[in-house]
Amino acid sequence: MRTGCPSAPRSPALHHATLTAHGVTGHDQADLARPYGQGAWLLFLTALFAAMAVTRSERGDAAEHMLDHDPLVR
């Protein structure tokens, strides 16, 4: 597995160990490498697109959006 992050190889291994501890069988660590990479890519894209969608206001990023949609009022 190629990686630039020293902790990255441990993450799929930890995920596999957790699945195995909970009784999930039929998968080895190599089977999880692709879905793990896809999930990491989707998390990156979510953050990227969210940052592109937010506008800057005098009060800071996302403040205008929050005021427009008033998320604290039920």
Protein backbone atom coordinates (compact mmCIF):
# COMPACT_ATOMS: atom_id res chain seq x y z
CA MET A 1 0.00 0.00 0.00
CA ARG A 2 1.41 3.38 -1.01
CA THR A 3 1.12 6.12 1.57
CA GLY A 4 2.59 9.46 2.48
CA CYS A 5 1.22 9.35 6.01
CA PRO A 6 2.96 7.19 8.60
CA SER A 7 -0.30 6.36 10.39
CA ALA A 8 -2.23 5.44 7.22
CA PRO A 9 -1.24 1.74 7.06
CA ARG A 10 -2.43 1.24 10.64
CA SER A 11 -5.89 2.61 9.94
CA PRO A 12 -7.05 -0.15 7.57
CA ALA A 13 -5.44 -2.71 9.86
CA LEU A 14 -7.29 -1.28 12.85
CA HIS A 15 -10.52 -1.23 10.85
CA HIS A 16 -10.05 -4.88 9.89
CA ALA A 17 -9.25 -5.87 13.48
CA THR A 18 -12.38 -4.08 14.72
CA LEU A 19 -14.58 -5.78 12.12
CA THR A 20 -13.09 -9.17 12.98
CA ALA A 21 -13.60 -8.54 16.71
CA HIS A 22 -17.28 -7.89 16.00
CA GLY A 23 -17.68 -11.15 14.11
CA VAL A 24 -17.40 -9.94 10.50
CA THR A 25 -15.73 -12.64 8.43
CA GLY A 26 -14.92 -13.29 4.79
CA HIS A 27 -12.70 -10.25 4.27
CA ASP A 28 -9.00 -9.81 4.68
CA GLN A 29 -7.11 -6.56 5.13
CA ALA A 30 -6.31 -6.30 1.41
CA ASP A 31 -10.05 -6.37 0.60
CA LEU A 32 -10.53 -3.22 2.69
CA ALA A 33 -7.80 -1.13 1.04
CA ARG A 34 -9.90 0.09 -1.89
CA PRO A 35 -13.06 1.01 0.09
CA TYR A 36 -10.85 2.71 2.70
CA GLY A 37 -9.18 4.81 0.00
CA GLN A 38 -12.55 5.64 -1.57
CA GLY A 39 -13.88 6.78 1.78
CA ALA A 40 -10.86 8.98 2.39
CA TRP A 41 -11.27 10.51 -1.08
CA LEU A 42 -14.97 11.21 -0.47
CA LEU A 43 -14.19 12.89 2.86
CA PHE A 44 -11.64 15.09 1.10
CA LEU A 45 -14.12 16.04 -1.63
CA THR A 46 -16.82 16.83 0.93
CA ALA A 47 -14.51 19.25 2.73
CA LEU A 48 -13.33 20.78 -0.55
CA PHE A 49 -16.82 21.41 -1.92
CA ALA A 50 -18.07 22.69 1.44
CA ALA A 51 -15.21 25.19 1.53
CA MET A 52 -16.05 26.31 -2.01
CA ALA A 53 -19.75 26.80 -1.19
CA VAL A 54 -19.22 29.01 1.86
CA THR A 55 -18.96 32.75 1.34
CA ARG A 56 -16.98 35.14 3.47
CA SER A 57 -18.85 37.84 5.33
CA GLU A 58 -17.79 40.66 7.64
CA ARG A 59 -18.42 38.31 10.57
CA GLY A 60 -16.39 35.45 9.09
CA ASP A 61 -16.95 32.37 6.95
CA ALA A 62 -20.42 30.85 7.04
CA ALA A 63 -21.83 33.52 9.37
CA GLU A 64 -24.07 34.95 6.67
CA HIS A 65 -25.30 31.49 5.73
CA MET A 66 -26.12 30.74 9.36
CA LEU A 67 -28.02 34.01 9.71
CA ASP A 68 -29.98 33.35 6.51
CA HIS A 69 -31.01 29.84 7.53
CA ASP A 70 -31.07 30.35 11.31
CA PRO A 71 -29.99 26.82 12.32
CA LEU A 72 -30.40 27.50 16.04
CA VAL A 73 -34.14 28.13 15.83
CA ARG A 74 -36.32 25.04 15.87
